Amino acid sequence: MGRSVASPPPAEHSPWSGTDRGMSTAEYALGTVAACAFAAVLFAILTSSEVRDVLTQMVTDALQSGG
């Protein structure tokens, strides 16, 4: 009938052995680009006149209600 063939033991540094604990250079680069893009979008949003007006109004209201 069917014979089962034993698979060889995993190599010590195989990507499938579960010993990968860090990111590679490409992952660091992708993470850095994503973080910079997010920072640029956040900067654009927070420096827009509409958001600045809302934040200024919130601070003004908070200072006036403080007594």
PDB file of N, CA and C in Angstrom:
ATOM      1  N   MET A   1       0.838  -1.175   0.000  1.00  0.00           N
ATOM      2  CA  MET A   1       0.000   0.000   0.000  1.00  0.00           C
ATOM      3  C   MET A   1       0.885   1.240   0.000  1.00  0.00           C
ATOM      4  N   GLY A   2       0.441   2.326   0.627  1.00  0.00           N
ATOM      5  CA  GLY A   2       1.207   3.566   0.603  1.00  0.00           C
ATOM      6  C   GLY A   2       2.272   3.578   1.675  1.00  0.00           C
ATOM      7  N   ARG A   3       3.453   3.946   1.287  1.00  0.00           N
ATOM      8  CA  ARG A   3       4.538   4.070   2.253  1.00  0.00           C
ATOM      9  C   ARG A   3       4.699   5.536   2.601  1.00  0.00           C
ATOM     10  N   SER A   4       4.900   5.833   3.851  1.00  0.00           N
ATOM     11  CA  SER A   4       5.156   7.219   4.241  1.00  0.00           C
ATOM     12  C   SER A   4       6.650   7.465   4.211  1.00  0.00           C
ATOM     13  N   VAL A   5       7.023   8.543   3.656  1.00  0.00           N
ATOM     14  CA  VAL A   5       8.429   8.914   3.553  1.00  0.00           C
ATOM     15  C   VAL A   5       8.699   9.974   4.596  1.00  0.00           C
ATOM     16  N   ALA A   6       9.650   9.732   5.445  1.00  0.00           N
ATOM     17  CA  ALA A   6       9.989  10.694   6.489  1.00  0.00           C
ATOM     18  C   ALA A   6      10.666  11.905   5.861  1.00  0.00           C
ATOM     19  N   SER A   7      10.219  13.067   6.269  1.00  0.00           N
ATOM     20  CA  SER A   7      10.840  14.281   5.756  1.00  0.00           C
ATOM     21  C   SER A   7      12.120  14.553   6.522  1.00  0.00           C
ATOM     22  N   PRO A   8      13.077  15.172   5.864  1.00  0.00           N
ATOM     23  CA  PRO A   8      14.347  15.457   6.550  1.00  0.00           C
ATOM     24  C   PRO A   8      14.126  16.506   7.633  1.00  0.00           C
ATOM     25  N   PRO A   9      14.966  16.488   8.651  1.00  0.00           N
ATOM     26  CA  PRO A   9      14.812  17.502   9.701  1.00  0.00           C
ATOM     27  C   PRO A   9      15.075  18.891   9.147  1.00  0.00           C
ATOM     28  N   PRO A  10      14.410  19.905   9.685  1.00  0.00           N
ATOM     29  CA  PRO A  10      14.610  21.260   9.169  1.00  0.00           C
ATOM     30  C   PRO A  10      16.025  21.745   9.425  1.00  0.00           C
ATOM     31  N   ALA A  11      16.511  22.552   8.528  1.00  0.00           N
ATOM     32  CA  ALA A  11      17.842  23.140   8.700  1.00  0.00           C
ATOM     33  C   ALA A  11      17.818  24.080   9.893  1.00  0.00           C
ATOM     34  N   GLU A  12      18.950  24.294  10.487  1.00  0.00           N
ATOM     35  CA  GLU A  12      19.017  25.103  11.704  1.00  0.00           C
ATOM     36  C   GLU A  12      18.566  26.541  11.473  1.00  0.00           C
ATOM     37  N   HIS A  13      18.892  27.110  10.331  1.00  0.00           N
ATOM     38  CA  HIS A  13      18.542  28.499  10.048  1.00  0.00           C
ATOM     39  C   HIS A  13      17.525  28.601   8.924  1.00  0.00           C
ATOM     40  N   SER A  14      16.673  27.641   8.814  1.00  0.00           N
ATOM     41  CA  SER A  14      15.645  27.652   7.780  1.00  0.00           C
ATOM     42  C   SER A  14      14.598  28.708   8.101  1.00  0.00           C
ATOM     43  N   PRO A  15      14.083  29.419   7.091  1.00  0.00           N
ATOM     44  CA  PRO A  15      13.041  30.412   7.376  1.00  0.00           C
ATOM     45  C   PRO A  15      11.770  29.784   7.919  1.00  0.00           C
ATOM     46  N   TRP A  16      11.629  28.485   7.805  1.00  0.00           N
ATOM     47  CA  TRP A  16      10.429  27.811   8.296  1.00  0.00           C
ATOM     48  C   TRP A  16      10.648  27.159   9.643  1.00  0.00           C
ATOM     49  N   SER A  17      11.818  27.280  10.223  1.00  0.00           N
ATOM     50  CA  SER A  17      12.099  26.602  11.485  1.00  0.00           C
ATOM     51  C   SER A  17      11.618  27.382  12.699  1.00  0.00           C
ATOM     52  N   GLY A  18      11.167  28.602  12.507  1.00  0.00           N
ATOM     53  CA  GLY A  18      10.646  29.376  13.621  1.00  0.00           C
ATOM     54  C   GLY A  18      11.709  30.093  14.422  1.00  0.00           C
ATOM     55  N   THR A  19      12.930  30.166  13.946  1.00  0.00           N
ATOM     56  CA  THR A  19      13.989  30.837  14.688  1.00  0.00           C
ATOM     57  C   THR A  19      14.235  32.256  14.195  1.00  0.00           C
ATOM     58  N   ASP A  20      13.433  32.726  13.246  1.00  0.00           N
ATOM     59  CA  ASP A  20      13.596  34.077  12.711  1.00  0.00           C
ATOM     60  C   ASP A  20      13.037  35.059  13.727  1.00  0.00           C
ATOM     61  N   ARG A  21      13.901  35.883  14.305  1.00  0.00           N
ATOM     62  CA  ARG A  21      13.461  36.782  15.365  1.00  0.00           C
ATOM     63  C   ARG A  21      13.457  38.248  14.972  1.00  0.00           C
ATOM     64  N   GLY A  22      13.974  38.610  13.822  1.00  0.00           N
ATOM     65  CA  GLY A  22      14.085  40.005  13.474  1.00  0.00           C
ATOM     66  C   GLY A  22      13.619  40.286  12.072  1.00  0.00           C
ATOM     67  N   MET A  23      13.713  41.547  11.716  1.00  0.00           N
ATOM     68  CA  MET A  23      13.320  41.955  10.370  1.00  0.00           C
ATOM     69  C   MET A  23      14.552  42.011   9.484  1.00  0.00           C
ATOM     70  N   SER A  24      14.335  41.778   8.228  1.00  0.00           N
ATOM     71  CA  SER A  24      15.428  41.897   7.269  1.00  0.00           C
ATOM     72  C   SER A  24      15.558  43.357   6.840  1.00  0.00           C
ATOM     73  N   THR A  25      16.578  43.656   6.095  1.00  0.00           N
ATOM     74  CA  THR A  25      16.819  45.023   5.645  1.00  0.00           C
ATOM     75  C   THR A  25      15.660  45.538   4.800  1.00  0.00           C
ATOM     76  N   ALA A  26      15.096  44.686   3.957  1.00  0.00           N
ATOM     77  CA  ALA A  26      13.966  45.110   3.128  1.00  0.00           C
ATOM     78  C   ALA A  26      12.750  45.444   3.986  1.00  0.00           C
ATOM     79  N   GLU A  27      12.529  44.691   5.044  1.00  0.00           N
ATOM     80  CA  GLU A  27      11.399  44.983   5.932  1.00  0.00           C
ATOM     81  C   GLU A  27      11.617  46.292   6.677  1.00  0.00           C
ATOM     82  N   TYR A  28      12.856  46.547   7.116  1.00  0.00           N
ATOM     83  CA  TYR A  28      13.158  47.828   7.755  1.00  0.00           C
ATOM     84  C   TYR A  28      12.917  48.985   6.788  1.00  0.00           C
ATOM     85  N   ALA A  29      13.350  48.819   5.554  1.00  0.00           N
ATOM     86  CA  ALA A  29      13.169  49.876   4.564  1.00  0.00           C
ATOM     87  C   ALA A  29      11.691  50.128   4.312  1.00  0.00           C
ATOM     88  N   LEU A  30      10.915  49.077   4.172  1.00  0.00           N
ATOM     89  CA  LEU A  30       9.480  49.232   3.937  1.00  0.00           C
ATOM     90  C   LEU A  30       8.796  49.875   5.144  1.00  0.00           C
ATOM     91  N   GLY A  31       9.180  49.465   6.334  1.00  0.00           N
ATOM     92  CA  GLY A  31       8.622  50.066   7.549  1.00  0.00           C
ATOM     93  C   GLY A  31       8.973  51.538   7.669  1.00  0.00           C
ATOM     94  N   THR A  32      10.197  51.895   7.300  1.00  0.00           N
ATOM     95  CA  THR A  32      10.624  53.292   7.351  1.00  0.00           C
ATOM     96  C   THR A  32       9.855  54.139   6.343  1.00  0.00           C
ATOM     97  N   VAL A  33       9.684  53.630   5.138  1.00  0.00           N
ATOM     98  CA  VAL A  33       8.922  54.359   4.115  1.00  0.00           C
ATOM     99  C   VAL A  33       7.474  54.539   4.558  1.00  0.00           C
ATOM    100  N   ALA A  34       6.875  53.499   5.116  1.00  0.00           N
ATOM    101  CA  ALA A  34       5.489  53.595   5.577  1.00  0.00           C
ATOM    102  C   ALA A  34       5.357  54.605   6.716  1.00  0.00           C
ATOM    103  N   ALA A  35       6.309  54.608   7.643  1.00  0.00           N
ATOM    104  CA  ALA A  35       6.268  55.559   8.753  1.00  0.00           C
ATOM    105  C   ALA A  35       6.430  56.994   8.257  1.00  0.00           C
ATOM    106  N   CYS A  36       7.310  57.201   7.294  1.00  0.00           N
ATOM    107  CA  CYS A  36       7.499  58.545   6.737  1.00  0.00           C
ATOM    108  C   CYS A  36       6.264  59.010   5.978  1.00  0.00           C
ATOM    109  N   ALA A  37       5.638  58.113   5.250  1.00  0.00           N
ATOM    110  CA  ALA A  37       4.415  58.479   4.528  1.00  0.00           C
ATOM    111  C   ALA A  37       3.309  58.833   5.509  1.00  0.00           C
ATOM    112  N   PHE A  38       3.167  58.062   6.567  1.00  0.00           N
ATOM    113  CA  PHE A  38       2.152  58.355   7.587  1.00  0.00           C
ATOM    114  C   PHE A  38       2.438  59.698   8.254  1.00  0.00           C
ATOM    115  N   ALA A  39       3.702  59.966   8.544  1.00  0.00           N
ATOM    116  CA  ALA A  39       4.071  61.244   9.167  1.00  0.00           C
ATOM    117  C   ALA A  39       3.767  62.410   8.230  1.00  0.00           C
ATOM    118  N   ALA A  40       4.008  62.241   6.949  1.00  0.00           N
ATOM    119  CA  ALA A  40       3.728  63.309   5.987  1.00  0.00           C
ATOM    120  C   ALA A  40       2.228  63.594   5.898  1.00  0.00           C
ATOM    121  N   VAL A  41       1.420  62.540   5.879  1.00  0.00           N
ATOM    122  CA  VAL A  41      -0.039  62.726   5.837  1.00  0.00           C
ATOM    123  C   VAL A  41      -0.527  63.393   7.119  1.00  0.00           C
ATOM    124  N   LEU A  42      -0.024  62.937   8.257  1.00  0.00           N
ATOM    125  CA  LEU A  42      -0.418  63.528   9.532  1.00  0.00           C
ATOM    126  C   LEU A  42      -0.003  64.989   9.616  1.00  0.00           C
ATOM    127  N   PHE A  43       1.189  65.309   9.141  1.00  0.00           N
ATOM    128  CA  PHE A  43       1.655  66.696   9.137  1.00  0.00           C
ATOM    129  C   PHE A  43       0.753  67.564   8.257  1.00  0.00           C
ATOM    130  N   ALA A  44       0.394  67.050   7.084  1.00  0.00           N
ATOM    131  CA  ALA A  44      -0.470  67.812   6.178  1.00  0.00           C
ATOM    132  C   ALA A  44      -1.843  68.055   6.798  1.00  0.00           C
ATOM    133  N   ILE A  45      -2.360  67.061   7.482  1.00  0.00           N
ATOM    134  CA  ILE A  45      -3.681  67.216   8.110  1.00  0.00           C
ATOM    135  C   ILE A  45      -3.611  68.223   9.254  1.00  0.00           C
ATOM    136  N   LEU A  46      -2.611  68.072  10.121  1.00  0.00           N
ATOM    137  CA  LEU A  46      -2.542  68.930  11.303  1.00  0.00           C
ATOM    138  C   LEU A  46      -2.152  70.366  10.989  1.00  0.00           C
ATOM    139  N   THR A  47      -1.526  70.621   9.858  1.00  0.00           N
ATOM    140  CA  THR A  47      -1.157  71.994   9.514  1.00  0.00           C
ATOM    141  C   THR A  47      -2.179  72.652   8.589  1.00  0.00           C
ATOM    142  N   SER A  48      -3.262  71.953   8.286  1.00  0.00           N
ATOM    143  CA  SER A  48      -4.294  72.573   7.453  1.00  0.00           C
ATOM    144  C   SER A  48      -5.026  73.631   8.266  1.00  0.00           C
ATOM    145  N   SER A  49      -5.558  74.622   7.598  1.00  0.00           N
ATOM    146  CA  SER A  49      -6.210  75.734   8.301  1.00  0.00           C
ATOM    147  C   SER A  49      -7.463  75.285   9.053  1.00  0.00           C
ATOM    148  N   GLU A  50      -8.201  74.320   8.512  1.00  0.00           N
ATOM    149  CA  GLU A  50      -9.414  73.859   9.184  1.00  0.00           C
ATOM    150  C   GLU A  50      -9.090  73.197  10.519  1.00  0.00           C
ATOM    151  N   VAL A  51      -8.107  72.330  10.509  1.00  0.00           N
ATOM    152  CA  VAL A  51      -7.734  71.635  11.742  1.00  0.00           C
ATOM    153  C   VAL A  51      -7.118  72.622  12.729  1.00  0.00           C
ATOM    154  N   ARG A  52      -6.307  73.527  12.241  1.00  0.00           N
ATOM    155  CA  ARG A  52      -5.715  74.538  13.117  1.00  0.00           C
ATOM    156  C   ARG A  52      -6.791  75.373  13.795  1.00  0.00           C
ATOM    157  N   ASP A  53      -7.828  75.758  13.048  1.00  0.00           N
ATOM    158  CA  ASP A  53      -8.919  76.541  13.633  1.00  0.00           C
ATOM    159  C   ASP A  53      -9.665  75.749  14.703  1.00  0.00           C
ATOM    160  N   VAL A  54      -9.917  74.476  14.434  1.00  0.00           N
ATOM    161  CA  VAL A  54     -10.624  73.637  15.410  1.00  0.00           C
ATOM    162  C   VAL A  54      -9.786  73.466  16.667  1.00  0.00           C
ATOM    163  N   LEU A  55      -8.495  73.206  16.520  1.00  0.00           N
ATOM    164  CA  LEU A  55      -7.632  73.041  17.687  1.00  0.00           C
ATOM    165  C   LEU A  55      -7.510  74.338  18.487  1.00  0.00           C
ATOM    166  N   THR A  56      -7.413  75.453  17.795  1.00  0.00           N
ATOM    167  CA  THR A  56      -7.337  76.741  18.479  1.00  0.00           C
ATOM    168  C   THR A  56      -8.614  77.003  19.263  1.00  0.00           C
ATOM    169  N   GLN A  57      -9.750  76.694  18.663  1.00  0.00           N
ATOM    170  CA  GLN A  57     -11.028  76.882  19.350  1.00  0.00           C
ATOM    171  C   GLN A  57     -11.140  75.967  20.570  1.00  0.00           C
ATOM    172  N   MET A  58     -10.671  74.740  20.455  1.00  0.00           N
ATOM    173  CA  MET A  58     -10.714  73.817  21.597  1.00  0.00           C
ATOM    174  C   MET A  58      -9.848  74.316  22.751  1.00  0.00           C
ATOM    175  N   VAL A  59      -8.661  74.807  22.441  1.00  0.00           N
ATOM    176  CA  VAL A  59      -7.775  75.323  23.491  1.00  0.00           C
ATOM    177  C   VAL A  59      -8.373  76.572  24.126  1.00  0.00           C
ATOM    178  N   THR A  60      -8.919  77.446  23.299  1.00  0.00           N
ATOM    179  CA  THR A  60      -9.536  78.665  23.813  1.00  0.00           C
ATOM    180  C   THR A  60     -10.701  78.336  24.730  1.00  0.00           C
ATOM    181  N   ASP A  61     -11.559  77.413  24.322  1.00  0.00           N
ATOM    182  CA  ASP A  61     -12.706  77.017  25.160  1.00  0.00           C
ATOM    183  C   ASP A  61     -12.246  76.395  26.463  1.00  0.00           C
ATOM    184  N   ALA A  62     -11.200  75.569  26.407  1.00  0.00           N
ATOM    185  CA  ALA A  62     -10.694  74.928  27.614  1.00  0.00           C
ATOM    186  C   ALA A  62     -10.114  75.952  28.579  1.00  0.00           C
ATOM    187  N   LEU A  63      -9.404  76.947  28.054  1.00  0.00           N
ATOM    188  CA  LEU A  63      -8.816  77.973  28.931  1.00  0.00           C
ATOM    189  C   LEU A  63      -9.896  78.867  29.525  1.00  0.00           C
ATOM    190  N   GLN A  64     -10.956  79.154  28.782  1.00  0.00           N
ATOM    191  CA  GLN A  64     -12.032  80.001  29.290  1.00  0.00           C
ATOM    192  C   GLN A  64     -12.881  79.281  30.317  1.00  0.00           C
ATOM    193  N   SER A  65     -13.046  77.984  30.191  1.00  0.00           N
ATOM    194  CA  SER A  65     -13.886  77.255  31.144  1.00  0.00           C
ATOM    195  C   SER A  65     -13.122  76.907  32.415  1.00  0.00           C
ATOM    196  N   GLY A  66     -11.824  77.137  32.414  1.00  0.00           N
ATOM    197  CA  GLY A  66     -11.006  76.819  33.583  1.00  0.00           C
ATOM    198  C   GLY A  66     -11.214  77.786  34.745  1.00  0.00           C
ATOM    199  N   GLY A  67     -11.777  78.915  34.506  1.00  0.00           N
ATOM    200  CA  GLY A  67     -12.123  79.795  35.598  1.00  0.00           C
ATOM    201  C   GLY A  67     -11.393  81.051  35.613  1.00  0.00           C
TER     202      GLY A  67
END
